[in-house]
Amino acid sequence: MTEKYEDANTIISDLESQMALVNLIKRGEYAAGIAALSGDVLKSALAAGVPYAMAEEMAGDFWKAEMLADTVAGLLRNVELEEDDE
């Protein structure tokens, strides 16, 4: 009986590790996409005649807002999962 319990814990632990890795990869892909869009914000602002310093700040603000939103969403998901476990 104890061996089965240990096997189940090992399987669950492995699944958790795999899910965490998949989540990390998805977040990395999201960050890369946001980086590309931030570059587009910079290019568009410059093309519209916005001074470089301001365009750079606009792109940075976009990056920060999107990454913060992703982080907050991740934290909320974790809280919801913890509440479901209880």
Protein backbone atom coordinates (compact mmCIF):
# COMPACT_ATOMS: atom_id res chain seq x y z
CA MET A 1 0.00 0.00 0.00
CA THR A 2 2.82 2.41 0.86
CA GLU A 3 4.56 1.75 -2.47
CA LYS A 4 1.40 2.65 -4.39
CA TYR A 5 1.09 5.86 -2.39
CA GLU A 6 4.72 6.76 -3.15
CA ASP A 7 4.19 5.94 -6.84
CA ALA A 8 1.13 8.21 -6.94
CA ASN A 9 3.09 11.02 -5.30
CA THR A 10 5.87 10.58 -7.84
CA ILE A 11 3.42 10.69 -10.74
CA ILE A 12 1.70 13.79 -9.35
CA SER A 13 5.04 15.48 -8.73
CA ASP A 14 6.18 14.73 -12.29
CA LEU A 15 2.92 16.07 -13.72
CA GLU A 16 3.24 19.26 -11.67
CA SER A 17 6.79 19.74 -12.96
CA GLN A 18 5.70 19.19 -16.56
CA MET A 19 2.79 21.60 -16.18
CA ALA A 20 5.06 24.25 -14.65
CA LEU A 21 7.47 23.88 -17.56
CA VAL A 22 4.67 24.21 -20.12
CA ASN A 23 3.40 27.30 -18.31
CA LEU A 24 6.89 28.82 -18.31
CA ILE A 25 7.25 28.19 -22.04
CA LYS A 26 3.85 29.81 -22.71
CA ARG A 27 4.80 32.85 -20.62
CA GLY A 28 8.09 33.11 -22.52
CA GLU A 29 6.27 33.03 -25.83
CA TYR A 30 3.86 35.66 -24.53
CA ALA A 31 6.77 37.88 -23.42
CA ALA A 32 8.42 37.53 -26.83
CA GLY A 33 5.17 38.55 -28.52
CA ILE A 34 4.77 41.55 -26.24
CA ALA A 35 8.38 42.54 -26.98
CA ALA A 36 7.61 42.48 -30.71
CA LEU A 37 4.48 44.56 -30.17
CA SER A 38 6.44 47.01 -28.02
CA GLY A 39 8.82 47.43 -30.95
CA ASP A 40 5.83 48.10 -33.19
CA VAL A 41 4.62 50.77 -30.75
CA LEU A 42 8.05 52.41 -30.90
CA LYS A 43 8.18 52.28 -34.72
CA SER A 44 4.64 53.58 -35.12
CA ALA A 45 5.19 56.41 -32.69
CA LEU A 46 8.40 57.43 -34.46
CA ALA A 47 6.66 57.27 -37.85
CA ALA A 48 3.96 59.56 -36.46
CA GLY A 49 6.59 62.10 -35.48
CA VAL A 50 6.72 61.41 -31.76
CA PRO A 51 10.16 62.30 -30.31
CA TYR A 52 12.33 59.24 -29.67
CA ALA A 53 12.43 59.56 -25.87
CA MET A 54 8.65 59.76 -25.69
CA ALA A 55 8.19 56.89 -28.17
CA GLU A 56 10.58 54.78 -26.13
CA GLU A 57 8.63 55.58 -22.97
CA MET A 58 5.37 54.66 -24.71
CA ALA A 59 6.79 51.30 -25.77
CA GLY A 60 8.12 50.70 -22.26
CA ASP A 61 4.77 51.58 -20.72
CA PHE A 62 3.05 49.13 -23.06
CA TRP A 63 5.56 46.39 -22.14
CA LYS A 64 5.15 46.98 -18.40
CA ALA A 65 1.36 47.09 -18.55
CA GLU A 66 1.08 43.86 -20.53
CA MET A 67 3.63 41.98 -18.46
CA LEU A 68 2.01 43.17 -15.24
CA ALA A 69 -1.37 42.01 -16.52
CA ASP A 70 0.12 38.58 -17.33
CA THR A 71 1.73 38.35 -13.88
CA VAL A 72 -1.48 39.34 -12.09
CA ALA A 73 -3.49 36.84 -14.17
CA GLY A 74 -1.00 34.12 -13.23
CA LEU A 75 -1.23 34.98 -9.56
CA LEU A 76 -5.02 34.94 -9.68
CA ARG A 77 -4.97 31.53 -11.38
CA ASN A 78 -2.70 30.21 -8.62
CA VAL A 79 -5.02 31.54 -5.91
CA GLU A 80 -8.04 29.98 -7.62
CA LEU A 81 -6.24 26.64 -7.89
CA GLU A 82 -5.31 26.76 -4.22
CA GLU A 83 -8.89 27.54 -3.25
CA ASP A 84 -10.12 24.61 -5.36
CA ASP A 85 -7.71 22.28 -3.55
CA GLU A 86 -9.22 23.17 -0.18
